[in-house]
């Protein structure tokens, strides 16, 4: 306030907070789109799910409260941030919580900013937001980001997908009749070395509160 308008204010006078965003960055690597997709599927009590873009953002809200998750790197690209910032945002799942008026007032009756901008309020809001978010199902599909993260080339991945389909349809004896000598063993060995996302369960989203500043 002073830098912009030369208005001096004491921190204890910062009351009546109307809106406060509680934020955290989760580093989830190539699984950002998977987390957004799975979060969108969740049904949270008294909250309505919604999404933006091609599942780039997923959130839940009601008339007074909102929690959103989105791909931070895509946001940086859309806002034309410098390449260094875009690279730093790779793999970040951004969480933003907009507490209700009631929640802020309960924690700080006069909604003092100095009381709301604290570690205690951050923990209270994030714990409440993360508690109902549980991932019980294996993730489905193969996201583009996962393909880009693999050291296997697309031809190898394509071969394994086709091989796994054949494995589900025919016996080992039948497949050995179809493949040339040694090719079957090579395909089977490659198939064992690649774990597709559909075989993976998402880890819980958690914050290490003990190491917060």
N, C-alpha and C. Protein backbone atom coordinates (compact mmCIF):
# COMPACT_ATOMS: atom_id res chain seq x y z
N UNK A 1 0.82 -1.20 0.00
CA UNK A 1 0.00 0.00 0.00
C UNK A 1 0.86 1.26 0.00
N UNK A 2 1.93 1.22 0.78
CA UNK A 2 2.78 2.41 0.85
C UNK A 2 3.54 2.63 -0.46
N UNK A 3 4.04 1.52 -1.05
CA UNK A 3 4.80 1.65 -2.30
C UNK A 3 3.93 2.15 -3.45
N UNK A 4 2.67 1.71 -3.48
CA UNK A 4 1.79 2.10 -4.58
C UNK A 4 1.09 3.44 -4.36
N UNK A 5 0.59 3.64 -3.11
CA UNK A 5 -0.24 4.81 -2.86
C UNK A 5 0.26 5.70 -1.73
N UNK A 6 1.42 5.37 -1.18
CA UNK A 6 1.99 6.13 -0.07
C UNK A 6 1.03 6.19 1.13
N UNK A 7 0.32 5.06 1.32
CA UNK A 7 -0.60 4.96 2.46
C UNK A 7 0.03 4.06 3.50
N UNK A 8 0.24 4.59 4.68
CA UNK A 8 0.82 3.80 5.77
C UNK A 8 -0.29 3.11 6.55
N UNK A 9 -0.10 1.82 6.76
CA UNK A 9 -1.09 1.04 7.52
C UNK A 9 -0.37 0.12 8.49
N UNK A 10 -0.90 0.01 9.67
CA UNK A 10 -0.38 -0.94 10.64
C UNK A 10 -0.98 -2.31 10.32
N UNK A 11 -0.16 -3.35 10.47
CA UNK A 11 -0.64 -4.69 10.13
C UNK A 11 -1.86 -5.09 10.94
N UNK A 12 -1.96 -4.60 12.17
CA UNK A 12 -3.13 -4.95 13.00
C UNK A 12 -4.42 -4.32 12.47
N UNK A 13 -4.28 -3.36 11.54
CA UNK A 13 -5.47 -2.72 10.97
C UNK A 13 -5.97 -3.45 9.73
N UNK A 14 -5.25 -4.48 9.27
CA UNK A 14 -5.66 -5.20 8.06
C UNK A 14 -6.75 -6.20 8.43
N UNK A 15 -7.97 -5.72 8.53
CA UNK A 15 -9.09 -6.58 8.91
C UNK A 15 -10.13 -6.60 7.81
N UNK A 16 -11.14 -7.46 7.99
CA UNK A 16 -12.22 -7.54 7.01
C UNK A 16 -11.82 -8.19 5.70
N UNK A 17 -10.90 -9.15 5.76
CA UNK A 17 -10.46 -9.85 4.55
C UNK A 17 -11.66 -10.47 3.82
N UNK A 18 -11.81 -10.15 2.54
CA UNK A 18 -12.93 -10.66 1.75
C UNK A 18 -12.58 -11.96 1.03
N UNK A 19 -11.34 -12.08 0.60
CA UNK A 19 -10.92 -13.28 -0.12
C UNK A 19 -9.48 -13.60 0.20
N UNK A 20 -9.21 -14.90 0.32
CA UNK A 20 -7.85 -15.37 0.59
C UNK A 20 -7.65 -16.69 -0.13
N UNK A 21 -6.59 -16.79 -0.92
CA UNK A 21 -6.27 -18.04 -1.61
C UNK A 21 -5.15 -18.76 -0.86
N UNK A 22 -5.42 -19.99 -0.47
CA UNK A 22 -4.42 -20.83 0.19
C UNK A 22 -3.88 -21.78 -0.88
N UNK A 23 -2.59 -21.70 -1.17
CA UNK A 23 -2.02 -22.41 -2.32
C UNK A 23 -0.87 -23.35 -1.94
N UNK A 24 -0.68 -24.36 -2.80
CA UNK A 24 0.45 -25.28 -2.62
C UNK A 24 0.77 -25.92 -3.97
N UNK A 25 2.06 -26.14 -4.21
CA UNK A 25 2.52 -26.81 -5.43
C UNK A 25 2.95 -28.24 -5.10
N UNK A 26 2.31 -29.22 -5.74
CA UNK A 26 2.72 -30.61 -5.61
C UNK A 26 3.55 -30.99 -6.83
N UNK A 27 4.73 -31.55 -6.62
CA UNK A 27 5.56 -32.02 -7.72
C UNK A 27 5.20 -33.48 -7.99
N UNK A 28 4.51 -33.72 -9.10
CA UNK A 28 4.03 -35.07 -9.42
C UNK A 28 4.57 -35.60 -10.74
N UNK A 29 5.56 -34.90 -11.32
CA UNK A 29 6.19 -35.37 -12.54
C UNK A 29 5.24 -35.42 -13.72
N UNK A 30 5.29 -36.51 -14.49
CA UNK A 30 4.47 -36.63 -15.69
C UNK A 30 3.02 -36.98 -15.40
N UNK A 31 2.64 -37.07 -14.12
CA UNK A 31 1.29 -37.50 -13.76
C UNK A 31 0.32 -36.34 -13.52
N UNK A 32 0.72 -35.12 -13.88
CA UNK A 32 -0.14 -33.96 -13.61
C UNK A 32 -1.54 -34.16 -14.21
N UNK A 33 -1.60 -34.51 -15.49
CA UNK A 33 -2.91 -34.65 -16.15
C UNK A 33 -3.71 -35.80 -15.53
N UNK A 34 -3.03 -36.83 -15.05
CA UNK A 34 -3.74 -37.94 -14.41
C UNK A 34 -4.38 -37.50 -13.09
N UNK A 35 -3.63 -36.71 -12.31
CA UNK A 35 -4.20 -36.21 -11.07
C UNK A 35 -5.40 -35.32 -11.34
N UNK A 36 -5.28 -34.43 -12.31
CA UNK A 36 -6.40 -33.54 -12.63
C UNK A 36 -7.62 -34.35 -13.05
N UNK A 37 -7.40 -35.36 -13.89
CA UNK A 37 -8.50 -36.21 -14.36
C UNK A 37 -9.17 -36.95 -13.21
N UNK A 38 -8.37 -37.54 -12.34
CA UNK A 38 -8.94 -38.31 -11.24
C UNK A 38 -9.63 -37.42 -10.21
N UNK A 39 -9.09 -36.23 -9.97
CA UNK A 39 -9.73 -35.29 -9.05
C UNK A 39 -11.09 -34.87 -9.58
N UNK A 40 -11.17 -34.68 -10.89
CA UNK A 40 -12.45 -34.30 -11.48
C UNK A 40 -13.51 -35.39 -11.28
N UNK A 41 -13.09 -36.65 -11.22
CA UNK A 41 -14.04 -37.76 -11.06
C UNK A 41 -14.59 -37.86 -9.63
N UNK A 42 -13.87 -37.27 -8.67
CA UNK A 42 -14.26 -37.42 -7.27
C UNK A 42 -15.58 -36.73 -6.96
N UNK A 43 -16.33 -37.33 -6.06
CA UNK A 43 -17.56 -36.72 -5.56
C UNK A 43 -17.32 -36.33 -4.10
N UNK A 44 -17.21 -35.02 -3.87
CA UNK A 44 -16.95 -34.52 -2.53
C UNK A 44 -18.24 -34.01 -1.90
N UNK A 45 -18.41 -34.22 -0.60
CA UNK A 45 -19.65 -33.81 0.07
C UNK A 45 -19.95 -32.32 -0.11
N UNK A 46 -21.18 -32.03 -0.53
CA UNK A 46 -21.68 -30.65 -0.64
C UNK A 46 -20.88 -29.80 -1.64
N UNK A 47 -20.15 -30.44 -2.54
CA UNK A 47 -19.36 -29.70 -3.52
C UNK A 47 -19.72 -30.19 -4.94
N UNK A 48 -19.72 -29.26 -5.88
CA UNK A 48 -20.03 -29.60 -7.27
C UNK A 48 -18.75 -29.60 -8.10
N UNK A 49 -18.45 -30.68 -8.84
CA UNK A 49 -17.23 -30.73 -9.64
C UNK A 49 -17.36 -29.92 -10.93
N UNK A 50 -16.23 -29.42 -11.44
CA UNK A 50 -16.21 -28.73 -12.72
C UNK A 50 -14.81 -28.83 -13.29
N UNK A 51 -14.67 -28.49 -14.56
CA UNK A 51 -13.35 -28.52 -15.19
C UNK A 51 -13.27 -27.45 -16.26
N UNK A 52 -12.03 -27.06 -16.60
CA UNK A 52 -11.77 -26.11 -17.67
C UNK A 52 -10.82 -26.74 -18.67
N UNK A 53 -10.94 -26.31 -19.94
CA UNK A 53 -10.03 -26.80 -20.95
C UNK A 53 -10.17 -28.29 -21.13
N UNK A 54 -9.12 -28.90 -21.66
CA UNK A 54 -9.10 -30.35 -21.83
C UNK A 54 -8.58 -30.98 -20.55
N UNK A 55 -9.41 -30.83 -19.49
CA UNK A 55 -9.04 -31.30 -18.16
C UNK A 55 -7.68 -30.74 -17.72
N UNK A 56 -7.45 -29.48 -18.03
CA UNK A 56 -6.25 -28.80 -17.54
C UNK A 56 -6.46 -28.29 -16.13
N UNK A 57 -7.74 -28.07 -15.78
CA UNK A 57 -8.12 -27.59 -14.45
C UNK A 57 -9.32 -28.39 -13.98
N UNK A 58 -9.28 -28.82 -12.72
CA UNK A 58 -10.42 -29.51 -12.12
C UNK A 58 -10.66 -28.92 -10.74
N UNK A 59 -11.91 -28.74 -10.41
CA UNK A 59 -12.21 -28.15 -9.11
C UNK A 59 -13.53 -28.64 -8.56
N UNK A 60 -13.76 -28.26 -7.30
CA UNK A 60 -15.03 -28.53 -6.62
C UNK A 60 -15.42 -27.26 -5.88
N UNK A 61 -16.70 -26.90 -5.95
CA UNK A 61 -17.11 -25.68 -5.28
C UNK A 61 -18.57 -25.75 -4.85
N UNK A 62 -18.90 -24.86 -3.93
CA UNK A 62 -20.29 -24.61 -3.58
C UNK A 62 -20.48 -23.10 -3.53
N UNK A 63 -21.51 -22.63 -2.89
CA UNK A 63 -21.78 -21.20 -2.90
C UNK A 63 -20.77 -20.38 -2.13
N UNK A 64 -20.00 -21.01 -1.26
CA UNK A 64 -19.09 -20.23 -0.41
C UNK A 64 -17.63 -20.67 -0.45
N UNK A 65 -17.35 -21.86 -0.94
CA UNK A 65 -15.99 -22.41 -0.86
C UNK A 65 -15.60 -23.04 -2.18
N UNK A 66 -14.30 -23.06 -2.47
CA UNK A 66 -13.83 -23.64 -3.73
C UNK A 66 -12.41 -24.19 -3.57
N UNK A 67 -12.17 -25.34 -4.18
CA UNK A 67 -10.84 -25.92 -4.24
C UNK A 67 -10.55 -26.31 -5.68
N UNK A 68 -9.42 -25.84 -6.22
CA UNK A 68 -9.09 -26.15 -7.61
C UNK A 68 -7.68 -26.73 -7.70
N UNK A 69 -7.50 -27.57 -8.71
CA UNK A 69 -6.19 -28.15 -9.03
C UNK A 69 -5.96 -27.93 -10.52
N UNK A 70 -4.74 -27.55 -10.90
CA UNK A 70 -4.47 -27.35 -12.32
C UNK A 70 -3.01 -27.54 -12.66
N UNK A 71 -2.76 -27.67 -13.96
CA UNK A 71 -1.41 -27.85 -14.49
C UNK A 71 -0.70 -26.50 -14.51
N UNK A 72 0.23 -26.32 -13.60
CA UNK A 72 0.89 -25.02 -13.46
C UNK A 72 1.72 -24.67 -14.69
N UNK A 73 2.35 -25.66 -15.30
CA UNK A 73 3.18 -25.37 -16.47
C UNK A 73 2.32 -24.86 -17.63
N UNK A 74 1.16 -25.46 -17.84
CA UNK A 74 0.29 -24.99 -18.91
C UNK A 74 -0.17 -23.56 -18.66
N UNK A 75 -0.42 -23.24 -17.40
CA UNK A 75 -0.80 -21.86 -17.07
C UNK A 75 0.33 -20.89 -17.42
N UNK A 76 1.57 -21.29 -17.10
CA UNK A 76 2.73 -20.45 -17.41
C UNK A 76 2.89 -20.28 -18.92
N UNK A 77 2.63 -21.34 -19.68
CA UNK A 77 2.72 -21.26 -21.14
C UNK A 77 1.65 -20.31 -21.67
N UNK A 78 0.42 -20.45 -21.16
CA UNK A 78 -0.69 -19.61 -21.62
C UNK A 78 -0.44 -18.13 -21.32
N UNK A 79 0.20 -17.87 -20.18
CA UNK A 79 0.46 -16.48 -19.79
C UNK A 79 1.79 -15.96 -20.35
N UNK A 80 2.43 -16.80 -21.20
CA UNK A 80 3.66 -16.41 -21.89
C UNK A 80 4.78 -16.00 -20.91
N UNK A 81 4.96 -16.82 -19.91
CA UNK A 81 6.05 -16.61 -18.96
C UNK A 81 7.38 -16.95 -19.63
N UNK A 82 8.51 -16.45 -19.08
CA UNK A 82 9.83 -16.79 -19.65
C UNK A 82 10.07 -18.29 -19.60
N UNK A 83 10.90 -18.78 -20.51
CA UNK A 83 11.18 -20.21 -20.61
C UNK A 83 11.68 -20.78 -19.28
N UNK A 84 12.47 -20.02 -18.56
CA UNK A 84 13.00 -20.48 -17.28
C UNK A 84 11.86 -20.78 -16.30
N UNK A 85 10.85 -19.92 -16.26
CA UNK A 85 9.71 -20.13 -15.38
C UNK A 85 8.89 -21.33 -15.84
N UNK A 86 8.70 -21.45 -17.15
CA UNK A 86 7.94 -22.59 -17.69
C UNK A 86 8.63 -23.90 -17.34
N UNK A 87 9.96 -23.94 -17.47
CA UNK A 87 10.71 -25.16 -17.15
C UNK A 87 10.60 -25.49 -15.66
N UNK A 88 10.63 -24.48 -14.81
CA UNK A 88 10.52 -24.70 -13.37
C UNK A 88 9.14 -25.25 -12.98
N UNK A 89 8.14 -24.93 -13.79
CA UNK A 89 6.77 -25.36 -13.48
C UNK A 89 6.45 -26.76 -13.98
N UNK A 90 7.39 -27.38 -14.66
CA UNK A 90 7.15 -28.73 -15.21
C UNK A 90 6.85 -29.71 -14.07
N UNK A 91 5.77 -30.46 -14.21
CA UNK A 91 5.42 -31.48 -13.22
C UNK A 91 4.70 -30.96 -12.00
N UNK A 92 4.34 -29.68 -11.98
CA UNK A 92 3.69 -29.10 -10.80
C UNK A 92 2.17 -29.17 -10.93
N UNK A 93 1.55 -29.78 -9.95
CA UNK A 93 0.10 -29.76 -9.78
C UNK A 93 -0.20 -28.67 -8.75
N UNK A 94 -0.85 -27.63 -9.18
CA UNK A 94 -1.13 -26.49 -8.32
C UNK A 94 -2.48 -26.65 -7.63
N UNK A 95 -2.50 -26.46 -6.31
CA UNK A 95 -3.75 -26.48 -5.55
C UNK A 95 -4.03 -25.08 -5.02
N UNK A 96 -5.25 -24.63 -5.20
CA UNK A 96 -5.68 -23.34 -4.66
C UNK A 96 -7.00 -23.52 -3.93
N UNK A 97 -7.03 -23.08 -2.68
CA UNK A 97 -8.22 -23.19 -1.85
C UNK A 97 -8.74 -21.78 -1.57
N UNK A 98 -10.01 -21.57 -1.80
CA UNK A 98 -10.63 -20.29 -1.47
C UNK A 98 -11.60 -20.52 -0.33
N UNK A 99 -11.14 -20.25 0.90
CA UNK A 99 -11.97 -20.53 2.08
C UNK A 99 -13.25 -19.69 2.07
N UNK A 100 -14.24 -20.19 2.77
CA UNK A 100 -15.49 -19.46 2.88
C UNK A 100 -15.35 -18.32 3.89
N UNK A 101 -16.27 -17.38 3.80
CA UNK A 101 -16.33 -16.28 4.77
C UNK A 101 -16.44 -16.84 6.18
N UNK A 102 -17.26 -17.87 6.34
CA UNK A 102 -17.49 -18.47 7.65
C UNK A 102 -16.21 -19.08 8.21
N UNK A 103 -15.43 -19.75 7.35
CA UNK A 103 -14.18 -20.37 7.80
C UNK A 103 -13.18 -19.32 8.25
N UNK A 104 -13.08 -18.22 7.50
CA UNK A 104 -12.16 -17.16 7.89
C UNK A 104 -12.61 -16.50 9.19
N UNK A 105 -13.90 -16.26 9.31
CA UNK A 105 -14.43 -15.60 10.50
C UNK A 105 -14.29 -16.49 11.74
N UNK A 106 -14.43 -17.79 11.55
CA UNK A 106 -14.28 -18.72 12.68
C UNK A 106 -12.85 -18.71 13.20
N UNK A 107 -11.89 -18.62 12.28
CA UNK A 107 -10.48 -18.62 12.68
C UNK A 107 -10.06 -17.25 13.22
N UNK A 108 -10.59 -16.20 12.61
CA UNK A 108 -10.27 -14.83 13.01
C UNK A 108 -11.55 -14.01 12.96
N UNK A 109 -12.21 -13.78 14.09
CA UNK A 109 -13.52 -13.11 14.11
C UNK A 109 -13.59 -11.81 13.30
N UNK A 110 -12.50 -11.04 13.28
CA UNK A 110 -12.49 -9.80 12.50
C UNK A 110 -11.77 -9.99 11.17
N UNK A 111 -11.44 -11.23 10.85
CA UNK A 111 -10.77 -11.60 9.61
C UNK A 111 -9.50 -10.77 9.39
N UNK A 112 -8.70 -10.70 10.46
CA UNK A 112 -7.42 -9.99 10.38
C UNK A 112 -6.48 -10.74 9.43
N UNK A 113 -5.88 -10.03 8.49
CA UNK A 113 -4.96 -10.65 7.54
C UNK A 113 -3.77 -11.28 8.25
N UNK A 114 -3.26 -10.62 9.30
CA UNK A 114 -2.09 -11.14 10.00
C UNK A 114 -2.39 -12.43 10.74
N UNK A 115 -3.67 -12.71 11.01
CA UNK A 115 -4.05 -13.96 11.66
C UNK A 115 -4.37 -15.05 10.63
N UNK A 116 -4.85 -14.62 9.47
CA UNK A 116 -5.18 -15.59 8.43
C UNK A 116 -3.95 -16.01 7.62
N UNK A 117 -3.01 -15.09 7.48
CA UNK A 117 -1.78 -15.42 6.72
C UNK A 117 -0.76 -16.07 7.64
N UNK A 118 -1.15 -17.22 8.19
CA UNK A 118 -0.31 -17.93 9.16
C UNK A 118 -0.21 -19.40 8.79
N UNK A 119 0.80 -20.03 9.34
CA UNK A 119 1.00 -21.46 9.14
C UNK A 119 -0.20 -22.25 9.68
N UNK A 120 -0.74 -21.81 10.79
CA UNK A 120 -1.85 -22.52 11.44
C UNK A 120 -3.10 -22.55 10.54
N UNK A 121 -3.40 -21.40 9.95
CA UNK A 121 -4.57 -21.35 9.06
C UNK A 121 -4.32 -22.15 7.79
N UNK A 122 -3.09 -22.08 7.28
CA UNK A 122 -2.71 -22.85 6.10
C UNK A 122 -2.92 -24.34 6.35
N UNK A 123 -2.45 -24.83 7.49
CA UNK A 123 -2.57 -26.25 7.81
C UNK A 123 -4.04 -26.64 7.94
N UNK A 124 -4.81 -25.81 8.62
CA UNK A 124 -6.22 -26.12 8.82
C UNK A 124 -6.97 -26.23 7.50
N UNK A 125 -6.72 -25.31 6.58
CA UNK A 125 -7.42 -25.30 5.30
C UNK A 125 -6.95 -26.44 4.38
N UNK A 126 -5.66 -26.68 4.32
CA UNK A 126 -5.16 -27.73 3.42
C UNK A 126 -5.51 -29.12 3.94
N UNK A 127 -5.47 -29.32 5.23
CA UNK A 127 -5.86 -30.63 5.78
C UNK A 127 -7.31 -30.92 5.45
N UNK A 128 -8.17 -29.93 5.60
CA UNK A 128 -9.60 -30.11 5.32
C UNK A 128 -9.83 -30.39 3.84
N UNK A 129 -9.05 -29.74 2.97
CA UNK A 129 -9.23 -29.92 1.53
C UNK A 129 -8.71 -31.27 1.05
N UNK A 130 -7.59 -31.73 1.62
CA UNK A 130 -6.95 -32.96 1.15
C UNK A 130 -7.56 -34.23 1.74
N UNK A 131 -8.16 -34.13 2.90
CA UNK A 131 -8.68 -35.32 3.58
C UNK A 131 -9.65 -36.14 2.73
N UNK A 132 -10.62 -35.52 2.04
CA UNK A 132 -11.56 -36.34 1.25
C UNK A 132 -11.03 -36.78 -0.12
N UNK A 133 -9.83 -36.33 -0.49
CA UNK A 133 -9.30 -36.68 -1.80
C UNK A 133 -8.53 -38.00 -1.70
N UNK A 134 -9.17 -39.07 -2.11
CA UNK A 134 -8.60 -40.40 -2.03
C UNK A 134 -8.62 -41.05 -3.41
N UNK A 135 -7.49 -41.63 -3.80
CA UNK A 135 -7.39 -42.30 -5.10
C UNK A 135 -7.36 -43.81 -4.88
N UNK A 136 -8.44 -44.47 -5.21
CA UNK A 136 -8.55 -45.91 -4.95
C UNK A 136 -8.45 -46.75 -6.22
N UNK A 137 -8.64 -46.13 -7.37
CA UNK A 137 -8.64 -46.88 -8.63
C UNK A 137 -7.34 -46.65 -9.39
N UNK A 138 -6.96 -47.65 -10.17
CA UNK A 138 -5.80 -47.49 -11.04
C UNK A 138 -6.14 -46.48 -12.14
N UNK A 139 -5.19 -45.64 -12.50
CA UNK A 139 -5.45 -44.62 -13.50
C UNK A 139 -5.60 -45.25 -14.88
N UNK A 140 -6.42 -44.62 -15.71
CA UNK A 140 -6.73 -45.16 -17.03
C UNK A 140 -6.10 -44.32 -18.13
N UNK A 141 -5.80 -44.96 -19.25
CA UNK A 141 -5.31 -44.24 -20.41
C UNK A 141 -3.82 -43.96 -20.36
N UNK A 142 -3.31 -43.44 -21.46
CA UNK A 142 -1.89 -43.10 -21.58
C UNK A 142 -1.77 -41.62 -21.93
N UNK A 143 -1.42 -40.77 -20.98
CA UNK A 143 -1.31 -39.34 -21.28
C UNK A 143 -0.09 -39.04 -22.15
N UNK A 144 -0.21 -38.00 -22.96
CA UNK A 144 0.88 -37.57 -23.84
C UNK A 144 2.14 -37.28 -23.04
N UNK A 145 1.98 -36.67 -21.85
CA UNK A 145 3.14 -36.34 -21.02
C UNK A 145 3.90 -37.58 -20.60
N UNK A 146 3.17 -38.70 -20.39
CA UNK A 146 3.84 -39.95 -20.01
C UNK A 146 4.67 -40.46 -21.19
N UNK A 147 4.10 -40.42 -22.39
CA UNK A 147 4.83 -40.86 -23.58
C UNK A 147 6.12 -40.07 -23.76
N UNK A 148 6.05 -38.76 -23.55
CA UNK A 148 7.22 -37.91 -23.72
C UNK A 148 8.28 -38.19 -22.66
N UNK A 149 7.87 -38.69 -21.51
CA UNK A 149 8.82 -38.90 -20.41
C UNK A 149 9.58 -40.21 -20.52
N UNK A 150 9.18 -41.09 -21.44
CA UNK A 150 9.79 -42.42 -21.55
C UNK A 150 11.09 -42.39 -22.35
N UNK A 151 12.05 -43.23 -21.94
CA UNK A 151 13.28 -43.36 -22.73
C UNK A 151 13.10 -44.37 -23.85
N UNK A 152 11.97 -45.13 -23.82
CA UNK A 152 11.65 -46.02 -24.93
C UNK A 152 11.08 -45.17 -26.07
N UNK A 153 11.41 -45.54 -27.32
CA UNK A 153 10.83 -44.76 -28.42
C UNK A 153 9.41 -45.24 -28.71
N UNK A 154 8.69 -44.47 -29.49
CA UNK A 154 7.27 -44.73 -29.72
C UNK A 154 7.05 -46.08 -30.41
N UNK A 155 8.00 -46.53 -31.23
CA UNK A 155 7.85 -47.82 -31.90
C UNK A 155 7.87 -48.97 -30.90
N UNK A 156 8.74 -48.85 -29.88
CA UNK A 156 8.79 -49.90 -28.85
C UNK A 156 7.49 -49.93 -28.04
N UNK A 157 7.00 -48.75 -27.69
CA UNK A 157 5.76 -48.68 -26.92
C UNK A 157 4.59 -49.23 -27.74
N UNK A 158 4.57 -48.86 -29.01
CA UNK A 158 3.52 -49.36 -29.90
C UNK A 158 3.58 -50.88 -30.01
N UNK A 159 4.79 -51.44 -30.12
CA UNK A 159 4.97 -52.89 -30.22
C UNK A 159 4.46 -53.60 -28.97
N UNK A 160 4.77 -53.02 -27.81
CA UNK A 160 4.34 -53.65 -26.56
C UNK A 160 2.83 -53.60 -26.41
N UNK A 161 2.20 -52.50 -26.79
CA UNK A 161 0.74 -52.41 -26.72
C UNK A 161 0.10 -53.49 -27.59
N UNK A 162 0.62 -53.66 -28.80
CA UNK A 162 0.09 -54.69 -29.68
C UNK A 162 0.34 -56.09 -29.13
N UNK A 163 1.54 -56.29 -28.54
CA UNK A 163 1.89 -57.59 -27.99
C UNK A 163 0.98 -57.94 -26.80
N UNK A 164 0.71 -56.96 -25.95
CA UNK A 164 -0.16 -57.20 -24.79
C UNK A 164 -1.58 -57.54 -25.23
N UNK A 165 -2.02 -56.92 -26.31
CA UNK A 165 -3.35 -57.24 -26.83
C UNK A 165 -3.39 -58.69 -27.31
N UNK A 166 -2.35 -59.10 -28.02
CA UNK A 166 -2.28 -60.49 -28.50
C UNK A 166 -2.20 -61.47 -27.33
N UNK A 167 -1.43 -61.10 -26.29
CA UNK A 167 -1.34 -61.96 -25.10
C UNK A 167 -2.70 -62.19 -24.45
N UNK A 168 -3.55 -61.17 -24.53
CA UNK A 168 -4.87 -61.30 -23.90
C UNK A 168 -5.82 -62.16 -24.74
N UNK A 169 -5.43 -62.42 -25.99
CA UNK A 169 -6.31 -63.16 -26.89
C UNK A 169 -5.85 -64.60 -27.17
N UNK A 170 -4.53 -64.82 -27.07
CA UNK A 170 -3.99 -66.13 -27.47
C UNK A 170 -3.09 -66.70 -26.38
N UNK A 171 -2.87 -68.01 -26.46
CA UNK A 171 -1.99 -68.67 -25.50
C UNK A 171 -0.54 -68.45 -25.91
N UNK A 172 0.38 -68.77 -25.00
CA UNK A 172 1.80 -68.62 -25.29
C UNK A 172 2.21 -69.54 -26.45
N UNK A 173 1.68 -70.73 -26.47
CA UNK A 173 2.01 -71.68 -27.55
C UNK A 173 1.58 -71.13 -28.91
N UNK A 174 0.38 -70.54 -28.95
CA UNK A 174 -0.12 -69.98 -30.21
C UNK A 174 0.72 -68.80 -30.66
N UNK A 175 1.11 -67.95 -29.71
CA UNK A 175 1.91 -66.79 -30.08
C UNK A 175 3.28 -67.18 -30.60
N UNK A 176 3.88 -68.21 -30.03
CA UNK A 176 5.19 -68.67 -30.50
C UNK A 176 5.12 -69.19 -31.93
N UNK A 177 3.94 -69.63 -32.35
CA UNK A 177 3.77 -70.08 -33.73
C UNK A 177 3.72 -68.89 -34.68
N UNK A 178 3.29 -67.73 -34.15
CA UNK A 178 3.12 -66.55 -34.98
C UNK A 178 4.41 -65.75 -35.13
N UNK A 179 5.25 -65.76 -34.09
CA UNK A 179 6.48 -64.95 -34.10
C UNK A 179 7.67 -65.77 -34.61
N UNK A 180 8.64 -65.07 -35.20
CA UNK A 180 9.89 -65.70 -35.61
C UNK A 180 10.70 -66.06 -34.38
N UNK A 181 11.67 -66.94 -34.56
CA UNK A 181 12.51 -67.42 -33.46
C UNK A 181 13.19 -66.23 -32.77
N UNK A 182 13.05 -66.15 -31.47
CA UNK A 182 13.70 -65.10 -30.67
C UNK A 182 12.88 -63.83 -30.54
N UNK A 183 12.01 -63.57 -31.52
CA UNK A 183 11.21 -62.34 -31.48
C UNK A 183 10.22 -62.36 -30.32
N UNK A 184 9.62 -63.52 -30.10
CA UNK A 184 8.65 -63.63 -29.00
C UNK A 184 9.30 -63.30 -27.66
N UNK A 185 10.49 -63.88 -27.43
CA UNK A 185 11.19 -63.62 -26.16
C UNK A 185 11.56 -62.14 -26.02
N UNK A 186 11.97 -61.53 -27.12
CA UNK A 186 12.32 -60.10 -27.09
C UNK A 186 11.09 -59.25 -26.76
N UNK A 187 9.96 -59.57 -27.37
CA UNK A 187 8.72 -58.83 -27.10
C UNK A 187 8.29 -58.99 -25.63
N UNK A 188 8.39 -60.21 -25.15
CA UNK A 188 7.97 -60.46 -23.78
C UNK A 188 8.89 -59.74 -22.80
N UNK A 189 10.18 -59.73 -23.06
CA UNK A 189 11.14 -59.04 -22.21
C UNK A 189 10.88 -57.53 -22.20
N UNK A 190 10.61 -56.97 -23.37
CA UNK A 190 10.32 -55.54 -23.46
C UNK A 190 9.02 -55.20 -22.74
N UNK A 191 8.03 -56.07 -22.89
CA UNK A 191 6.73 -55.83 -22.25
C UNK A 191 6.86 -55.80 -20.73
N UNK A 192 7.74 -56.62 -20.21
CA UNK A 192 7.94 -56.65 -18.75
C UNK A 192 8.65 -55.41 -18.24
N UNK A 193 9.39 -54.75 -19.11
CA UNK A 193 10.19 -53.59 -18.68
C UNK A 193 9.42 -52.27 -18.72
N UNK A 194 8.27 -52.26 -19.39
CA UNK A 194 7.48 -51.02 -19.50
C UNK A 194 6.23 -51.13 -18.63
N UNK A 195 6.08 -50.19 -17.69
CA UNK A 195 4.89 -50.13 -16.85
C UNK A 195 4.01 -49.00 -17.35
N UNK A 196 2.85 -49.34 -17.87
CA UNK A 196 1.95 -48.32 -18.39
C UNK A 196 1.17 -47.67 -17.26
N UNK A 197 0.73 -46.44 -17.46
CA UNK A 197 -0.01 -45.73 -16.40
C UNK A 197 -1.22 -46.46 -15.90
N UNK A 198 -1.87 -47.24 -16.75
CA UNK A 198 -3.07 -47.96 -16.32
C UNK A 198 -2.76 -49.01 -15.27
N UNK A 199 -1.48 -49.28 -15.06
CA UNK A 199 -1.09 -50.25 -14.04
C UNK A 199 -0.63 -49.55 -12.76
N UNK A 200 -0.83 -48.25 -12.71
CA UNK A 200 -0.30 -47.46 -11.60
C UNK A 200 -1.42 -46.79 -10.82
N UNK A 201 -1.27 -46.75 -9.51
CA UNK A 201 -2.20 -46.00 -8.67
C UNK A 201 -1.54 -44.70 -8.24
N UNK A 202 -2.32 -43.64 -8.22
CA UNK A 202 -1.78 -42.35 -7.84
C UNK A 202 -1.47 -42.32 -6.35
N UNK A 203 -0.34 -41.74 -6.01
CA UNK A 203 0.02 -41.59 -4.60
C UNK A 203 -0.84 -40.51 -3.96
N UNK A 204 -1.12 -40.60 -2.68
CA UNK A 204 -1.91 -39.55 -2.01
C UNK A 204 -1.20 -38.20 -2.10
N UNK A 205 -1.98 -37.14 -2.18
CA UNK A 205 -1.43 -35.79 -2.14
C UNK A 205 -1.21 -35.43 -0.68
N UNK A 206 0.03 -35.14 -0.33
CA UNK A 206 0.36 -34.88 1.07
C UNK A 206 1.35 -33.72 1.18
N UNK A 207 1.27 -32.99 2.27
CA UNK A 207 2.16 -31.87 2.56
C UNK A 207 2.96 -32.20 3.81
N UNK A 208 4.26 -32.00 3.74
CA UNK A 208 5.13 -32.24 4.89
C UNK A 208 5.11 -31.00 5.79
N UNK A 209 4.13 -30.95 6.67
CA UNK A 209 3.96 -29.77 7.52
C UNK A 209 5.13 -29.53 8.46
N UNK A 210 5.81 -30.62 8.82
CA UNK A 210 6.93 -30.49 9.77
C UNK A 210 8.07 -29.65 9.20
N UNK A 211 8.17 -29.64 7.87
CA UNK A 211 9.28 -28.90 7.25
C UNK A 211 8.85 -27.57 6.62
N UNK A 212 7.66 -27.10 6.99
CA UNK A 212 7.26 -25.78 6.53
C UNK A 212 8.07 -24.72 7.24
N UNK A 213 8.29 -23.61 6.55
CA UNK A 213 9.08 -22.54 7.14
C UNK A 213 8.40 -21.88 8.33
